[in-house]
N, C-alpha and C. Protein backbone atom coordinates (compact mmCIF):
# COMPACT_ATOMS: atom_id res chain seq x y z
N MET A 1 0.88 -1.08 -0.04
CA MET A 1 0.04 -0.03 -0.04
C MET A 1 0.88 1.36 -0.01
N THR A 2 0.44 2.13 -0.67
CA THR A 2 1.19 3.41 -0.73
C THR A 2 0.84 4.22 0.51
N PRO A 3 1.68 5.25 0.86
CA PRO A 3 1.31 6.07 2.05
C PRO A 3 -0.04 6.89 2.00
N PHE A 4 -0.38 7.16 0.68
CA PHE A 4 -1.66 7.92 0.51
C PHE A 4 -2.83 6.95 0.91
N GLN A 5 -2.69 5.73 0.53
CA GLN A 5 -3.70 4.71 0.93
C GLN A 5 -3.85 4.40 2.38
N VAL A 6 -2.60 4.37 2.99
CA VAL A 6 -2.54 4.23 4.59
C VAL A 6 -3.34 5.46 5.02
N VAL A 7 -3.00 6.58 4.81
CA VAL A 7 -3.57 7.79 5.43
C VAL A 7 -5.08 7.86 5.05
N LEU A 8 -5.51 7.46 3.87
CA LEU A 8 -6.90 7.55 3.54
C LEU A 8 -7.74 6.40 4.36
N ALA A 9 -6.98 5.24 4.45
CA ALA A 9 -7.69 4.21 5.17
C ALA A 9 -7.86 4.51 6.72
N GLU A 10 -6.91 5.12 7.20
CA GLU A 10 -7.04 5.64 8.65
C GLU A 10 -8.06 6.70 8.78
N ALA A 11 -8.16 7.49 7.85
CA ALA A 11 -9.10 8.60 7.88
C ALA A 11 -10.53 8.10 7.80
N LEU A 12 -10.77 7.10 6.99
CA LEU A 12 -12.13 6.43 6.75
C LEU A 12 -12.39 5.27 7.67
N ALA A 13 -11.65 4.97 8.61
CA ALA A 13 -11.72 3.85 9.57
C ALA A 13 -12.99 4.06 10.40
N VAL A 14 -13.76 3.01 10.59
CA VAL A 14 -14.91 3.11 11.40
C VAL A 14 -14.59 2.84 12.85
N ASP A 15 -14.94 3.79 13.70
CA ASP A 15 -14.75 3.60 15.10
C ASP A 15 -15.73 2.50 15.64
N LYS A 16 -15.27 1.58 16.34
CA LYS A 16 -15.98 0.47 16.88
C LYS A 16 -17.02 0.97 18.02
N ASP A 17 -16.69 2.09 18.66
CA ASP A 17 -17.47 2.51 19.85
C ASP A 17 -18.41 3.54 19.35
N LYS A 18 -18.39 3.93 18.05
CA LYS A 18 -19.40 4.89 17.45
C LYS A 18 -20.41 4.23 16.67
N VAL A 19 -21.69 4.51 17.04
CA VAL A 19 -22.90 3.85 16.26
C VAL A 19 -23.53 4.82 15.30
N THR A 20 -23.65 4.59 14.16
CA THR A 20 -24.30 5.42 13.21
C THR A 20 -25.51 4.63 12.70
N PRO A 21 -26.58 5.44 12.32
CA PRO A 21 -27.83 4.83 11.73
C PRO A 21 -27.89 4.20 10.49
N GLY A 22 -26.80 4.62 9.62
CA GLY A 22 -26.54 4.01 8.30
C GLY A 22 -27.83 4.29 7.45
N LEU A 23 -27.69 3.40 6.37
CA LEU A 23 -28.66 3.44 5.29
C LEU A 23 -30.12 3.15 5.80
N LEU A 24 -30.22 2.09 6.59
CA LEU A 24 -31.61 1.55 7.09
C LEU A 24 -32.10 2.91 7.93
N GLY A 25 -31.48 3.42 8.71
CA GLY A 25 -32.01 4.64 9.49
C GLY A 25 -32.54 5.61 8.58
N PHE A 26 -31.78 5.94 7.48
CA PHE A 26 -32.24 6.96 6.65
C PHE A 26 -33.44 6.57 5.82
N VAL A 27 -33.53 5.34 5.38
CA VAL A 27 -34.84 4.82 4.66
C VAL A 27 -36.01 4.87 5.69
N VAL A 28 -35.80 4.46 6.97
CA VAL A 28 -36.97 4.48 7.87
C VAL A 28 -37.41 5.93 8.08
N VAL A 29 -36.47 6.87 8.28
CA VAL A 29 -36.86 8.32 8.46
C VAL A 29 -37.55 8.82 7.34
N ALA A 30 -37.07 8.56 6.08
CA ALA A 30 -37.53 8.99 4.83
C ALA A 30 -39.06 8.39 4.53
N LEU A 31 -39.23 7.21 4.85
CA LEU A 31 -40.62 6.68 4.66
C LEU A 31 -41.53 7.22 5.72
N LEU A 32 -41.07 7.59 6.93
CA LEU A 32 -41.95 8.12 7.91
C LEU A 32 -42.34 9.51 7.42
N GLY A 33 -41.35 10.31 6.95
CA GLY A 33 -41.79 11.56 6.41
C GLY A 33 -42.79 11.49 5.30
N LEU A 34 -42.38 10.59 4.36
CA LEU A 34 -43.43 10.50 3.22
C LEU A 34 -44.67 10.17 3.80
N ALA A 35 -44.85 9.13 4.69
CA ALA A 35 -46.22 8.78 5.21
C ALA A 35 -46.88 9.90 5.84
N THR A 36 -46.18 10.79 6.62
CA THR A 36 -46.76 11.94 7.21
C THR A 36 -47.23 12.86 6.19
N TYR A 37 -46.40 13.09 5.14
CA TYR A 37 -46.87 14.08 4.10
C TYR A 37 -48.28 13.60 3.37
N LEU A 38 -48.22 12.37 3.07
CA LEU A 38 -49.45 11.67 2.42
C LEU A 38 -50.63 11.85 3.38
N LEU A 39 -50.41 11.63 4.69
CA LEU A 39 -51.68 11.65 5.46
C LEU A 39 -52.14 13.06 5.74
N VAL A 40 -51.28 13.97 5.88
CA VAL A 40 -51.68 15.44 5.94
C VAL A 40 -52.36 15.77 4.63
N ARG A 41 -51.82 15.42 3.58
CA ARG A 41 -52.61 15.86 2.25
C ARG A 41 -53.86 15.09 2.25
N SER A 42 -54.20 13.90 2.63
CA SER A 42 -55.32 13.24 2.52
C SER A 42 -56.24 13.90 3.58
N MET A 43 -55.92 14.29 4.84
CA MET A 43 -56.57 14.95 5.71
C MET A 43 -57.23 16.30 5.19
N ASN A 44 -56.32 16.94 4.47
CA ASN A 44 -56.76 18.28 3.90
C ASN A 44 -57.82 18.14 2.96
N ARG A 45 -57.75 17.03 2.16
CA ARG A 45 -58.82 16.79 1.14
C ARG A 45 -60.11 16.46 1.89
N GLN A 46 -60.05 15.70 2.89
CA GLN A 46 -61.28 15.20 3.66
C GLN A 46 -61.94 16.49 4.35
N LEU A 47 -61.10 17.33 4.87
CA LEU A 47 -61.67 18.49 5.64
C LEU A 47 -62.25 19.61 4.55
N LYS A 48 -61.80 19.56 3.49
CA LYS A 48 -62.27 20.41 2.28
C LYS A 48 -63.76 19.97 1.92
N LYS A 49 -64.11 18.66 2.12
CA LYS A 49 -65.28 18.09 1.80
C LYS A 49 -66.45 18.42 2.76
N ILE A 50 -66.07 18.81 3.87
CA ILE A 50 -67.12 19.06 5.02
C ILE A 50 -67.75 20.38 4.60
N ASP A 51 -69.02 20.46 4.66
CA ASP A 51 -69.92 21.57 4.50
C ASP A 51 -70.36 22.20 5.77
N LEU A 52 -69.69 23.23 6.20
CA LEU A 52 -70.20 23.89 7.59
C LEU A 52 -71.12 24.98 7.35
N PRO A 53 -72.11 25.04 8.21
CA PRO A 53 -73.12 26.12 8.06
C PRO A 53 -72.37 27.53 8.34
N GLU A 54 -72.91 28.63 7.74
CA GLU A 54 -72.38 29.86 7.85
C GLU A 54 -72.82 30.31 9.14
N ASP A 55 -71.90 31.28 9.87
CA ASP A 55 -72.22 31.82 11.03
C ASP A 55 -73.29 33.08 11.05
N ASP A 56 -73.65 33.43 9.86
CA ASP A 56 -74.55 34.58 9.70
C ASP A 56 -76.16 34.10 9.85
N GLN A 57 -76.21 32.76 9.56
CA GLN A 57 -77.63 32.15 9.79
C GLN A 57 -77.85 31.77 11.23
N PRO A 58 -79.04 32.21 11.69
CA PRO A 58 -79.24 31.56 13.28
C PRO A 58 -79.56 30.21 13.09
N PRO A 59 -79.21 29.38 14.18
CA PRO A 59 -79.55 27.96 14.04
C PRO A 59 -81.05 27.67 14.22
N THR A 60 -81.50 26.65 13.49
CA THR A 60 -82.90 26.41 13.54
C THR A 60 -83.04 25.64 14.79
N SER A 61 -84.41 26.17 15.29
CA SER A 61 -84.80 25.42 16.63
C SER A 61 -85.74 24.24 16.26
N PRO A 62 -85.71 23.07 17.03
CA PRO A 62 -86.57 21.89 16.79
C PRO A 62 -87.97 22.39 16.87
N LYS A 63 -88.79 21.62 16.10
CA LYS A 63 -90.30 22.07 16.02
C LYS A 63 -90.99 21.40 17.32
N ALA A 64 -90.44 20.19 17.81
CA ALA A 64 -91.06 19.59 18.98
C ALA A 64 -90.06 19.49 20.17
N PRO A 65 -90.50 19.59 21.35
CA PRO A 65 -89.46 19.42 22.48
C PRO A 65 -88.95 18.03 22.38
N GLY A 66 -87.76 17.88 22.81
CA GLY A 66 -87.09 16.51 22.90
C GLY A 66 -87.72 15.60 24.00
N PRO A 67 -87.31 14.52 24.13
CA PRO A 67 -87.82 13.58 25.21
C PRO A 67 -87.51 13.97 26.59
N GLY A 68 -86.46 14.75 26.94
CA GLY A 68 -86.24 15.21 28.28
C GLY A 68 -87.10 16.48 28.65
N ALA A 69 -87.80 17.08 27.73
CA ALA A 69 -88.56 18.31 28.19
C ALA A 69 -89.79 18.13 28.73
């Protein structure tokens, strides 16, 4: 090995005491982010379908009293 390769190997050496998430950790976080984005987008679509009454109109009162009255 050349001196350059030795220096490069020492610089890129993995420390046995250091734990890194690696590719699997990145994939899991990316999938969780994608799932969250899709759920929020779906929730916004569902909320847009809801037809709420306007505040300007007074609420209608029931014609007959309820069973507790």
